[in-house]
Protein backbone atom coordinates (compact mmCIF):
# COMPACT_ATOMS: atom_id res chain seq x y z
CA MET A 1 160.32 105.71 60.08
CA LYS A 2 161.51 109.29 59.71
CA VAL A 3 158.06 110.78 60.25
CA SER A 4 157.35 109.44 63.74
CA PRO A 5 160.28 111.21 65.46
CA VAL A 6 159.21 114.49 63.82
CA CYS A 7 155.60 114.04 65.04
CA ARG A 8 156.69 113.25 68.59
CA ARG A 9 159.19 116.08 68.62
CA GLY A 10 156.73 118.60 67.20
CA ARG A 11 154.12 117.78 69.93
CA LYS A 12 156.72 117.75 72.66
CA GLU A 13 158.14 121.09 71.66
CA ASN A 14 154.70 122.65 71.48
CA ILE A 15 153.45 121.31 74.82
CA ALA A 16 156.70 122.10 76.57
CA GLY A 17 156.48 125.62 75.20
CA SER A 18 159.97 125.78 73.68
CA SER A 19 160.70 128.81 71.56
CA LYS A 20 161.34 126.64 68.50
CA GLY A 21 157.99 124.92 68.84
CA ARG A 22 156.11 128.19 69.35
CA THR A 23 157.90 129.90 66.47
CA SER A 24 157.23 127.06 64.03
CA LEU A 25 153.49 126.93 64.82
CA SER A 26 153.21 130.67 64.87
CA GLU A 27 154.89 130.95 61.49
CA SER A 28 152.76 128.19 59.97
CA GLU A 29 149.60 129.99 61.09
CA ASN A 30 150.91 133.31 59.71
CA PHE A 31 149.94 133.28 56.04
CA GLY A 32 152.36 136.15 55.38
CA SER A 33 155.45 134.07 56.17
CA ILE A 34 156.85 130.77 54.91
CA PRO A 35 157.33 128.05 57.54
CA SER A 36 160.43 125.92 57.65
CA PRO A 37 160.17 122.36 56.25
CA ALA A 38 160.64 120.76 59.70
CA ALA A 39 157.92 122.91 61.26
CA ASN A 40 155.58 122.20 58.36
CA ARG A 41 156.00 118.44 58.81
CA SER A 42 155.37 118.77 62.57
CA TYR A 43 152.24 120.90 62.11
CA THR A 44 150.87 118.63 59.39
CA CYS A 45 151.29 115.57 61.57
CA ILE A 46 149.47 117.26 64.48
CA VAL A 47 146.53 118.22 62.27
CA ILE A 48 146.28 114.74 60.72
CA GLY A 49 146.43 113.15 64.20
CA ASN A 50 143.61 115.36 65.49
CA LEU A 51 141.47 114.72 62.42
CA LEU A 52 141.95 110.99 62.91
CA LYS A 53 140.84 111.19 66.54
CA TYR A 54 137.71 113.20 65.60
CA PHE A 55 136.90 110.66 62.87
CA LEU A 56 137.21 107.69 65.24
CA PHE A 57 135.10 109.45 67.90
CA ALA A 58 132.37 110.27 65.38
CA LEU A 59 132.43 106.66 64.14
CA ALA A 60 132.04 105.34 67.70
CA VAL A 61 129.09 107.64 68.45
CA SER A 62 127.45 106.70 65.17
CA SER A 63 127.89 103.02 65.87
CA THR A 64 126.40 103.36 69.36
CA SER A 65 123.38 105.32 68.10
CA THR A 66 122.82 102.84 65.29
CA ALA A 67 122.93 99.92 67.74
CA ALA A 68 120.39 101.64 70.06
CA ILE A 69 118.04 102.35 67.16
CA ALA A 70 118.48 98.83 65.76
CA SER A 71 117.50 97.22 69.09
CA GLY A 72 114.19 99.12 69.07
CA PRO A 73 111.66 99.62 71.89
CA THR A 74 110.76 96.60 74.03
CA LEU A 75 108.12 96.03 76.66
CA SER A 76 108.95 94.96 80.22
CA VAL A 77 106.18 93.82 82.60
CA TYR A 78 106.82 93.06 86.25
CA PRO A 79 105.66 90.73 87.52
CA GLN A 80 104.23 88.74 84.62
CA SER A 81 102.00 86.79 86.96
CA VAL A 82 100.11 88.32 89.89
CA ILE A 83 97.13 87.57 92.13
CA GLN A 84 94.11 89.72 92.90
CA GLY A 85 95.02 92.84 94.80
CA GLU A 86 98.60 93.22 93.52
CA PRO A 87 100.18 95.97 91.38
CA ILE A 88 101.90 95.67 88.00
CA GLU A 89 104.75 97.81 86.70
CA ILE A 90 104.99 98.38 82.95
CA VAL A 91 108.19 99.83 81.44
CA VAL A 92 109.02 100.61 77.78
CA GLN A 93 112.74 100.05 77.20
CA ASN A 94 114.79 101.91 74.54
CA ALA A 95 112.18 104.63 74.18
CA THR A 96 111.44 108.17 75.39
CA THR A 97 108.32 109.14 77.28
CA SER A 98 107.37 111.59 74.51
CA SER A 99 107.40 108.73 71.98
CA VAL A 100 104.79 106.76 73.89
CA LYS A 101 101.25 107.62 72.84
CA SER A 102 99.51 105.30 75.32
CA ILE A 103 99.87 102.28 77.58
CA SER A 104 96.73 100.21 78.12
CA PHE A 105 95.69 97.28 80.31
CA ASP A 106 92.82 95.30 78.84
CA GLY A 107 91.83 98.35 76.81
CA LYS A 108 92.00 100.78 79.75
CA LYS A 109 94.52 103.60 79.28
CA LEU A 110 96.99 104.14 82.08
CA GLY A 111 98.88 107.21 83.26
CA VAL A 112 102.39 107.29 81.74
CA PHE A 113 105.34 108.98 83.47
CA SER A 114 109.11 108.92 83.29
CA TYR A 115 110.90 106.92 86.00
CA GLN A 116 114.66 106.48 85.88
CA GLY A 117 114.54 107.87 82.34
CA LEU A 118 112.07 105.31 80.98
CA PRO A 119 108.35 105.49 80.12
CA THR A 120 106.52 103.74 82.98
CA ALA A 121 102.98 102.96 84.08
CA PHE A 122 101.36 101.24 87.08
CA TYR A 123 98.23 99.14 87.09
CA GLY A 124 96.39 98.04 90.23
CA VAL A 125 94.63 94.69 90.05
CA ASP A 126 91.39 94.91 92.00
CA ILE A 127 91.01 92.34 94.76
CA ASN A 128 87.80 91.18 93.06
CA GLN A 129 89.12 91.22 89.47
CA LYS A 130 88.34 88.09 87.49
CA PRO A 131 91.28 85.72 87.28
CA SER A 132 92.34 85.49 83.65
CA ILE A 133 95.05 86.40 81.12
CA TYR A 134 95.02 90.10 80.23
CA LYS A 135 96.66 92.03 77.42
CA ILE A 136 98.94 95.03 77.84
CA SER A 137 99.29 97.27 74.77
CA VAL A 138 101.65 100.14 74.01
CA ALA A 139 101.19 102.59 71.13
CA LEU A 140 104.34 104.45 70.04
CA SER A 141 104.98 107.28 67.58
CA GLY A 142 104.04 106.32 64.05
CA THR A 143 102.43 102.93 63.75
CA THR A 144 104.66 100.96 66.13
CA THR A 145 102.88 98.91 68.77
CA LEU A 146 104.04 96.58 71.52
CA SER A 147 102.07 94.02 73.48
CA ALA A 148 102.47 91.53 76.29
CA SER A 149 100.22 89.38 78.47
CA VAL A 150 99.95 89.08 82.24
CA THR A 151 98.24 86.37 84.26
CA VAL A 152 95.99 87.35 87.15
CA GLY A 153 95.38 84.50 89.59
CA ALA A 154 92.92 84.11 92.41
CA ARG A 155 93.80 85.21 95.95
CA GLN A 156 93.35 82.67 98.70
CA LYS A 157 90.40 83.57 100.91
CA ILE A 158 91.47 83.98 104.50
CA GLU A 159 89.01 84.89 107.27
CA MET A 160 89.83 86.12 110.74
CA ALA A 161 87.77 87.38 113.63
CA PHE A 162 87.77 91.08 114.30
CA ASP A 163 86.58 92.85 117.43
CA ILE A 164 84.83 96.20 117.32
CA PRO A 165 86.19 98.56 119.98
CA GLU A 166 83.89 99.20 122.92
CA SER A 167 84.09 102.88 122.11
CA LEU A 168 82.24 102.03 118.85
CA GLY A 169 79.68 99.73 120.49
CA GLY A 170 81.52 96.38 120.78
CA ASN A 171 80.70 93.18 118.91
CA SER A 172 76.97 93.62 118.51
CA THR A 173 74.95 93.30 115.32
CA SER A 174 73.94 96.94 115.48
CA SER A 175 77.55 98.05 115.98
CA ALA A 176 78.67 95.95 113.03
CA ASN A 177 76.01 97.44 110.79
CA THR A 178 76.96 100.91 111.96
CA LEU A 179 80.61 100.18 111.24
CA VAL A 180 79.88 98.95 107.72
CA SER A 181 77.66 101.98 107.03
CA ALA A 182 80.38 104.36 108.25
CA LEU A 183 83.05 102.59 106.18
CA SER A 184 80.86 102.90 103.11
CA GLN A 185 80.47 106.65 103.63
CA GLU A 186 84.15 107.17 104.36
CA ASN A 187 85.24 105.18 101.31
CA ALA A 188 82.80 107.10 99.10
CA GLU A 189 84.47 110.35 100.21
CA LEU A 190 87.96 108.92 99.56
CA LEU A 191 86.93 107.84 96.05
CA LYS A 192 86.04 111.45 95.17
CA LEU A 193 89.53 112.81 95.80
CA GLY A 194 91.18 114.45 92.82
CA THR A 195 94.64 113.65 91.45
CA ASN A 196 97.29 115.64 89.64
CA PRO A 197 97.47 114.95 85.87
CA ARG A 198 101.22 114.45 86.12
CA ALA A 199 103.52 112.44 88.40
CA LEU A 200 104.74 114.57 91.31
CA TRP A 201 107.62 112.30 92.30
CA THR A 202 110.94 111.19 90.83
CA ASN A 203 112.68 109.32 93.65
CA LYS A 204 111.98 105.84 94.94
CA PHE A 205 109.12 105.39 97.44
CA THR A 206 110.21 104.78 101.04
CA TYR A 207 108.43 103.37 104.06
CA PRO A 208 106.59 105.81 106.36
CA LEU A 209 108.31 104.58 109.54
CA SER A 210 111.94 104.36 110.50
CA GLN A 211 111.40 100.82 111.77
CA ILE A 212 109.23 98.42 109.76
CA ILE A 213 107.38 95.65 111.61
CA VAL A 214 104.26 94.29 109.88
CA THR A 215 101.49 93.38 112.29
CA ASP A 216 98.62 92.76 109.87
CA GLY A 217 98.70 91.95 106.16
CA TYR A 218 96.65 92.91 103.14
CA GLY A 219 93.66 91.12 101.60
CA TYR A 220 92.07 88.94 104.27
CA LEU A 221 88.45 89.11 105.51
CA ARG A 222 87.70 90.52 108.97
CA GLN A 223 84.52 88.99 110.42
CA THR A 224 82.45 90.25 113.29
CA ALA A 225 78.79 89.83 114.19
CA GLY A 226 78.00 88.31 110.81
CA VAL A 227 79.67 91.10 108.86
CA SER A 228 82.80 90.67 106.66
CA VAL A 229 85.15 93.53 105.79
CA THR A 230 88.25 93.15 103.56
CA HIS A 231 91.45 94.59 105.01
CA LYS A 232 92.76 96.63 102.07
CA GLY A 233 96.05 97.79 103.55
CA THR A 234 98.97 96.84 105.74
CA ASP A 235 99.33 97.52 109.46
CA PHE A 236 102.70 98.42 110.94
CA HIS A 237 103.75 98.38 114.59
CA ALA A 238 103.96 101.94 115.90
CA SER A 239 103.40 103.17 119.44
CA VAL A 240 101.38 106.29 119.98
CA GLY A 241 103.33 109.39 118.91
CA THR A 242 105.70 107.70 116.45
CA PRO A 243 106.63 110.09 113.59
CA VAL A 244 104.91 109.14 110.32
CA MET A 245 106.67 110.26 107.13
CA ALA A 246 105.39 110.90 103.59
CA MET A 247 106.36 107.96 101.39
CA ASN A 248 107.14 110.30 98.52
CA ARG A 249 106.62 113.81 97.21
CA GLY A 250 102.98 114.80 96.71
CA VAL A 251 100.03 117.00 97.58
CA VAL A 252 97.81 116.46 100.62
CA ARG A 253 94.28 115.79 99.37
CA LEU A 254 92.67 114.94 102.71
CA ALA A 255 93.51 115.52 106.37
CA LYS A 256 90.61 114.81 108.75
CA ARG A 257 89.12 112.50 111.37
CA PHE A 258 86.86 109.62 110.36
CA THR A 259 84.73 107.41 112.61
CA ASP A 260 86.36 104.13 111.53
CA TYR A 261 89.62 105.20 109.89
CA GLY A 262 90.36 107.70 112.63
CA ASN A 263 92.71 110.60 111.90
CA THR A 264 93.60 110.15 108.22
CA ILE A 265 95.97 111.77 105.72
CA VAL A 266 95.88 111.13 101.98
CA VAL A 267 98.84 112.17 99.81
CA ASP A 268 98.36 112.37 96.05
CA HIS A 269 101.50 111.52 94.07
CA GLY A 270 99.86 112.21 90.70
CA LEU A 271 98.26 110.11 87.96
CA GLY A 272 95.96 108.39 90.45
CA LEU A 273 98.72 107.09 92.74
CA MET A 274 97.88 107.85 96.38
CA THR A 275 99.09 106.82 99.83
CA PHE A 276 96.83 106.68 102.90
CA TYR A 277 97.93 107.05 106.51
CA MET A 278 95.29 106.08 109.10
CA HIS A 279 94.56 105.88 112.86
CA LEU A 280 96.92 108.80 113.55
CA SER A 281 97.04 110.55 116.91
CA LYS A 282 98.03 113.87 115.31
CA ILE A 283 97.87 115.46 111.85
CA ASN A 284 100.66 117.94 111.01
CA VAL A 285 99.61 118.96 107.48
CA SER A 286 96.67 120.61 105.79
CA VAL A 287 94.85 120.00 102.54
CA GLY A 288 96.70 121.43 99.57
CA SER A 289 100.14 121.27 101.21
CA LEU A 290 103.04 120.05 99.08
CA VAL A 291 104.96 117.51 101.11
CA LYS A 292 108.42 116.12 100.49
CA GLN A 293 109.54 112.55 100.73
CA GLY A 294 110.41 111.72 104.34
CA GLN A 295 108.63 114.79 105.73
CA VAL A 296 106.88 114.07 109.04
CA ILE A 297 103.16 114.55 108.30
CA GLY A 298 101.72 113.19 111.52
CA LEU A 299 102.06 110.91 114.52
CA SER A 300 100.82 107.34 114.80
CA GLY A 301 97.99 106.54 117.19
CA GLN A 302 94.91 104.47 118.02
CA THR A 303 92.02 106.48 116.69
CA GLY A 304 88.94 105.15 114.89
CA ASP A 305 88.28 101.40 115.09
CA ALA A 306 91.87 100.56 116.04
CA LEU A 307 92.15 98.05 118.89
CA ALA A 308 95.79 98.95 119.58
CA PRO A 309 98.28 101.59 118.50
CA HIS A 310 99.52 101.04 114.94
CA LEU A 311 99.82 102.70 111.53
CA HIS A 312 97.59 101.51 108.71
CA ILE A 313 98.92 102.21 105.21
CA SER A 314 96.92 101.85 102.00
CA VAL A 315 98.19 102.43 98.47
CA ARG A 316 95.75 103.15 95.68
CA ILE A 317 96.39 103.14 91.92
CA GLY A 318 93.43 104.59 90.03
CA ASN A 319 91.21 104.18 93.11
CA ILE A 320 92.16 100.50 93.44
CA SER A 321 93.65 99.53 96.77
CA ILE A 322 96.59 97.19 96.30
CA ASP A 323 99.04 95.38 98.54
CA PRO A 324 101.46 98.06 99.87
CA LEU A 325 104.28 95.56 100.38
CA LYS A 326 104.06 94.39 96.75
CA PHE A 327 104.10 98.03 95.64
CA MET A 328 107.21 98.76 97.69
CA ALA A 329 108.95 95.76 96.06
CA PHE A 330 109.19 97.91 92.86
CA PHE A 331 111.67 100.19 94.68
CA LYS A 332 114.20 97.81 96.19
């Protein structure tokens, strides 16, 4: 009961800067002089108090670290059930990117990057992939492995009529064959585009237009003159001349005019993740340009086989076109 008042007084005198407090501490630190008993008690209490605080802090940090290590890495897969043509996000919790040797989907290694501080990978389910249960595997430093399963279901087949613009020959058999041939050539060129070996983005992906109105969805069959073509993208309402923005940071891999896709820009975001902007009226960037998220890269239009002004967006993961709206759901 006699010690507490001395401790409080010693701290108060020192903080307030009284001459007695400063003299006592000064004398106790001066090994050539002998401090008074009162000053010695005050100084000793301060030192013991600080040591106690450091000990409690160290104990708290140690307990937190131990708890984190004890929990260990875990595997998070979203969603756990998809249909053909949808993307999958794979995240390793309680681990660093450097500790992850590989992430694989059905034996195929995926590109691993850090997103929001966690090791992450994307997988694009092809629209024609066999419905089944697939295994996801993660190899970590040492001999630690993680695994999970994901179910891929069948996509409902929807067919709709599609008219070929008169500028491309109209709905004749010869025009339809010409369209399919041109699409084959254009897709072959798009499949050859290179990608950066590392992710070029860190922020969430954003939509390419300031106002989002979907006019045509992903995955249905367009039929004309006996020919069927799968719509592997999403169409958004956009009048001619509407600014089109890069969905995230990346490098322009293609900027040119196609017969069917019209004026097209492809932005590579690294590790095989690419966004495609089609039917543009104007292209504002060149191949090799580094673009920022939200940067205006072109203007929407009605070029190629477009029947009306709109913006067609495709998202590819490892050269697999997936549903752009499902991809954007990762970044809500």
